[in-house]
Amino acid sequence: MGTQPNDAFLELVETMKRSAAILRDAKVPFLLGGGLASWARGGPPTEHDVDLMLRERDVQRAEEALAAAGLRLERPPEGWLVKAWDGNVLVDLIFRPAGGAIGDEHFERATVLEVAAQSVPVASIEDVLAAKLLALTEQEPDFGPVLEIARSLREQIDWDVVRSQVERSAFGAAFFTLVERLGIVPERLAAAS
């Protein structure tokens, strides 16, 4: 049995449900991403923020819908996301993560799941894991969250797809060394000489 959800997690889920309903009603296509997408597939709970993935062409309509519903918007200088605040809960509207712009292929790989009694399009676990790995930097090289997702959802993950998305990243290569040596995924067969 899992632990009881705490108030911060419950507040995060309520914000996810509210934001998803706002975007759905405004007919703005989006995907649930990040830690909540992992949780929706049976992974560990998160208390960080709500990640909603959308195409860049839909950002303005998403901003308008969320602002009209009372969320406070912020455009950070990074230029790859918009932040929306539902009280103290952060919703990241991500349109250009480290792995490249959100496109039709992300929506094709997604699955509509029942998340906290609401049907929500959820990013593929491979896309979630790849995005998290590609976001790692020398300043923030924390493998803990991605290892937790990998361990808890390993049977659902198409490891070849993740590997193809992150193989050029030093952190992606290091991640595969870790998950193979930890026995989370089978070690890759050495190429024939």
Protein backbone atom coordinates (compact mmCIF):
# COMPACT_ATOMS: atom_id res chain seq x y z
CA MET A 1 0.00 0.00 0.00
CA GLY A 2 1.20 3.50 -0.84
CA THR A 3 1.35 6.37 1.57
CA GLN A 4 -1.53 8.77 1.99
CA PRO A 5 -1.26 11.82 -0.27
CA ASN A 6 -0.34 15.00 1.56
CA ASP A 7 -2.04 18.38 1.24
CA ALA A 8 0.57 19.76 -1.22
CA PHE A 9 0.04 16.82 -3.57
CA LEU A 10 -3.75 17.09 -3.35
CA GLU A 11 -3.51 20.83 -4.11
CA LEU A 12 -1.30 20.05 -7.13
CA VAL A 13 -3.83 17.52 -8.45
CA GLU A 14 -6.68 20.00 -8.02
CA THR A 15 -4.73 22.64 -9.96
CA MET A 16 -3.99 20.08 -12.69
CA LYS A 17 -7.68 19.21 -12.95
CA ARG A 18 -8.70 22.89 -13.02
CA SER A 19 -6.06 23.87 -15.62
CA ALA A 20 -6.84 20.86 -17.79
CA ALA A 21 -10.56 21.69 -17.72
CA ILE A 22 -9.86 25.33 -18.64
CA LEU A 23 -7.73 24.34 -21.62
CA ARG A 24 -10.15 21.60 -22.69
CA ASP A 25 -13.09 24.02 -22.58
CA ALA A 26 -11.07 26.58 -24.60
CA LYS A 27 -10.25 23.81 -27.12
CA VAL A 28 -6.49 24.22 -26.58
CA PRO A 29 -4.74 20.89 -27.20
CA PHE A 30 -2.36 19.95 -24.37
CA LEU A 31 -0.70 16.96 -22.73
CA LEU A 32 -0.07 16.31 -19.06
CA GLY A 33 3.69 15.96 -18.69
CA GLY A 34 6.37 15.79 -16.02
CA GLY A 35 5.96 14.18 -12.64
CA LEU A 36 2.16 14.10 -12.78
CA ALA A 37 2.28 12.19 -16.10
CA SER A 38 4.52 9.65 -14.41
CA TRP A 39 2.19 9.49 -11.40
CA ALA A 40 -0.84 9.04 -13.71
CA ARG A 41 0.86 5.90 -15.08
CA GLY A 42 1.58 4.50 -11.60
CA GLY A 43 4.82 6.28 -10.78
CA PRO A 44 5.71 8.15 -7.61
CA PRO A 45 3.72 11.22 -6.55
CA THR A 46 5.26 14.63 -7.07
CA GLU A 47 4.91 17.93 -5.25
CA HIS A 48 6.89 20.06 -7.69
CA ASP A 49 4.48 21.62 -10.21
CA VAL A 50 2.00 20.86 -12.98
CA ASP A 51 3.60 20.46 -16.41
CA LEU A 52 1.29 20.92 -19.40
CA MET A 53 2.86 20.42 -22.82
CA LEU A 54 1.50 22.27 -25.84
CA ARG A 55 2.45 23.36 -29.32
CA GLU A 56 3.96 26.84 -29.52
CA ARG A 57 1.16 27.99 -31.83
CA ASP A 58 -1.35 27.31 -29.00
CA VAL A 59 0.47 29.22 -26.25
CA GLN A 60 -1.37 32.53 -26.66
CA ARG A 61 -4.80 30.89 -26.55
CA ALA A 62 -3.74 28.92 -23.46
CA GLU A 63 -2.53 32.11 -21.76
CA GLU A 64 -5.79 33.89 -22.56
CA ALA A 65 -7.93 31.03 -21.24
CA LEU A 66 -5.95 30.63 -18.02
CA ALA A 67 -5.80 34.39 -17.38
CA ALA A 68 -9.56 34.67 -17.94
CA ALA A 69 -10.01 31.96 -15.29
CA GLY A 70 -7.94 33.94 -12.78
CA LEU A 71 -4.50 32.37 -13.04
CA ARG A 72 -1.57 34.79 -12.84
CA LEU A 73 0.77 34.54 -15.86
CA GLU A 74 4.52 35.05 -16.04
CA ARG A 75 6.77 34.88 -19.12
CA PRO A 76 10.25 33.98 -17.86
CA PRO A 77 13.31 34.98 -19.93
CA GLU A 78 14.12 31.36 -20.83
CA GLY A 79 11.62 31.53 -23.70
CA TRP A 80 10.60 27.86 -23.77
CA LEU A 81 7.70 27.98 -21.31
CA VAL A 82 5.09 30.18 -19.72
CA LYS A 83 4.34 30.03 -16.00
CA ALA A 84 0.80 30.27 -14.67
CA TRP A 85 0.09 30.50 -10.95
CA ASP A 86 -3.08 29.06 -9.44
CA GLY A 87 -2.67 30.60 -6.00
CA ASN A 88 0.63 29.15 -4.81
CA VAL A 89 0.64 26.23 -7.26
CA LEU A 90 2.75 26.58 -10.40
CA VAL A 91 1.58 25.39 -13.81
CA ASP A 92 4.33 25.28 -16.43
CA LEU A 93 3.07 25.57 -20.01
CA ILE A 94 5.98 23.96 -21.85
CA PHE A 95 6.24 24.30 -25.61
CA ARG A 96 9.96 23.94 -26.35
CA PRO A 97 11.68 21.63 -23.83
CA ALA A 98 15.36 20.68 -24.08
CA GLY A 99 14.62 17.86 -26.55
CA GLY A 100 12.92 20.12 -29.10
CA ALA A 101 9.56 21.73 -29.74
CA ILE A 102 6.33 19.93 -28.81
CA GLY A 103 4.83 18.68 -32.05
CA ASP A 104 2.21 16.40 -33.52
CA GLU A 105 4.38 13.34 -32.77
CA HIS A 106 4.09 14.01 -29.02
CA PHE A 107 0.31 14.04 -29.28
CA GLU A 108 0.34 10.85 -31.38
CA ARG A 109 2.37 9.03 -28.69
CA ALA A 110 0.13 10.26 -25.83
CA THR A 111 -2.68 8.30 -24.19
CA VAL A 112 -5.92 9.60 -22.72
CA LEU A 113 -6.02 8.36 -19.12
CA GLU A 114 -8.42 8.77 -16.22
CA VAL A 115 -6.46 11.03 -13.85
CA ALA A 116 -8.17 11.87 -10.56
CA ALA A 117 -11.60 11.19 -12.12
CA GLN A 118 -10.91 13.34 -15.20
CA SER A 119 -9.97 12.18 -18.72
CA VAL A 120 -6.67 13.82 -19.56
CA PRO A 121 -4.26 13.33 -22.49
CA VAL A 122 -1.01 12.16 -20.88
CA ALA A 123 2.41 12.37 -22.57
CA SER A 124 4.09 9.03 -23.23
CA ILE A 125 6.35 7.88 -20.43
CA GLU A 126 9.20 7.74 -22.94
CA ASP A 127 8.72 11.44 -23.78
CA VAL A 128 8.48 12.33 -20.08
CA LEU A 129 11.66 10.45 -19.21
CA ALA A 130 13.57 11.81 -22.22
CA ALA A 131 12.53 15.39 -21.41
CA LYS A 132 13.69 15.01 -17.81
CA LEU A 133 17.02 13.51 -18.91
CA LEU A 134 17.65 16.18 -21.54
CA ALA A 135 16.95 18.90 -18.96
CA LEU A 136 19.79 17.70 -16.69
CA THR A 137 22.78 20.03 -16.60
CA GLU A 138 26.15 20.19 -14.91
CA GLN A 139 24.62 22.67 -12.47
CA GLU A 140 21.68 20.35 -11.69
CA PRO A 141 22.74 16.74 -12.39
CA ASP A 142 20.12 15.11 -10.13
CA PHE A 143 19.40 11.58 -11.39
CA GLY A 144 17.16 10.80 -8.38
CA PRO A 145 13.78 11.66 -9.93
CA VAL A 146 14.50 9.92 -13.26
CA LEU A 147 15.80 6.82 -11.49
CA GLU A 148 12.64 6.75 -9.35
CA ILE A 149 10.47 6.90 -12.47
CA ALA A 150 12.60 4.29 -14.25
CA ARG A 151 12.40 1.87 -11.33
CA SER A 152 8.68 2.27 -10.71
CA LEU A 153 7.56 2.17 -14.36
CA ARG A 154 10.28 0.03 -15.98
CA GLU A 155 7.84 -2.53 -17.42
CA GLN A 156 5.89 0.23 -19.24
CA ILE A 157 8.91 1.96 -20.78
CA ASP A 158 10.15 1.25 -24.30
CA TRP A 159 13.83 1.61 -23.46
CA ASP A 160 14.95 1.67 -27.10
CA VAL A 161 12.75 4.72 -27.73
CA VAL A 162 14.17 6.56 -24.70
CA ARG A 163 17.72 5.61 -25.67
CA SER A 164 17.22 6.95 -29.21
CA GLN A 165 15.93 10.26 -27.83
CA VAL A 166 18.79 10.82 -25.35
CA GLU A 167 21.79 8.91 -26.69
CA ARG A 168 23.65 12.07 -27.79
CA SER A 169 23.38 13.57 -24.31
CA ALA A 170 26.17 12.88 -21.83
CA PHE A 171 23.54 12.67 -19.08
CA GLY A 172 21.46 10.27 -21.20
CA ALA A 173 24.46 7.98 -21.65
CA ALA A 174 25.26 8.15 -17.94
CA PHE A 175 21.61 7.36 -17.11
CA PHE A 176 21.71 4.19 -19.22
CA THR A 177 24.93 3.11 -17.53
CA LEU A 178 23.20 3.59 -14.16
CA VAL A 179 19.93 1.80 -14.99
CA GLU A 180 21.78 -1.10 -16.60
CA ARG A 181 24.24 -1.54 -13.72
CA LEU A 182 21.43 -1.20 -11.16
CA GLY A 183 19.51 -3.95 -12.96
CA ILE A 184 16.54 -1.72 -13.78
CA VAL A 185 16.93 -2.55 -17.48
CA PRO A 186 18.93 -5.37 -19.04
CA GLU A 187 22.44 -4.47 -20.14
CA ARG A 188 22.68 -3.81 -23.85
CA LEU A 189 24.41 -6.49 -25.82
CA ALA A 190 27.83 -5.43 -27.03
CA ALA A 191 28.00 -4.74 -30.76
CA ALA A 192 29.48 -7.56 -32.79
CA SER A 193 33.17 -7.02 -33.50
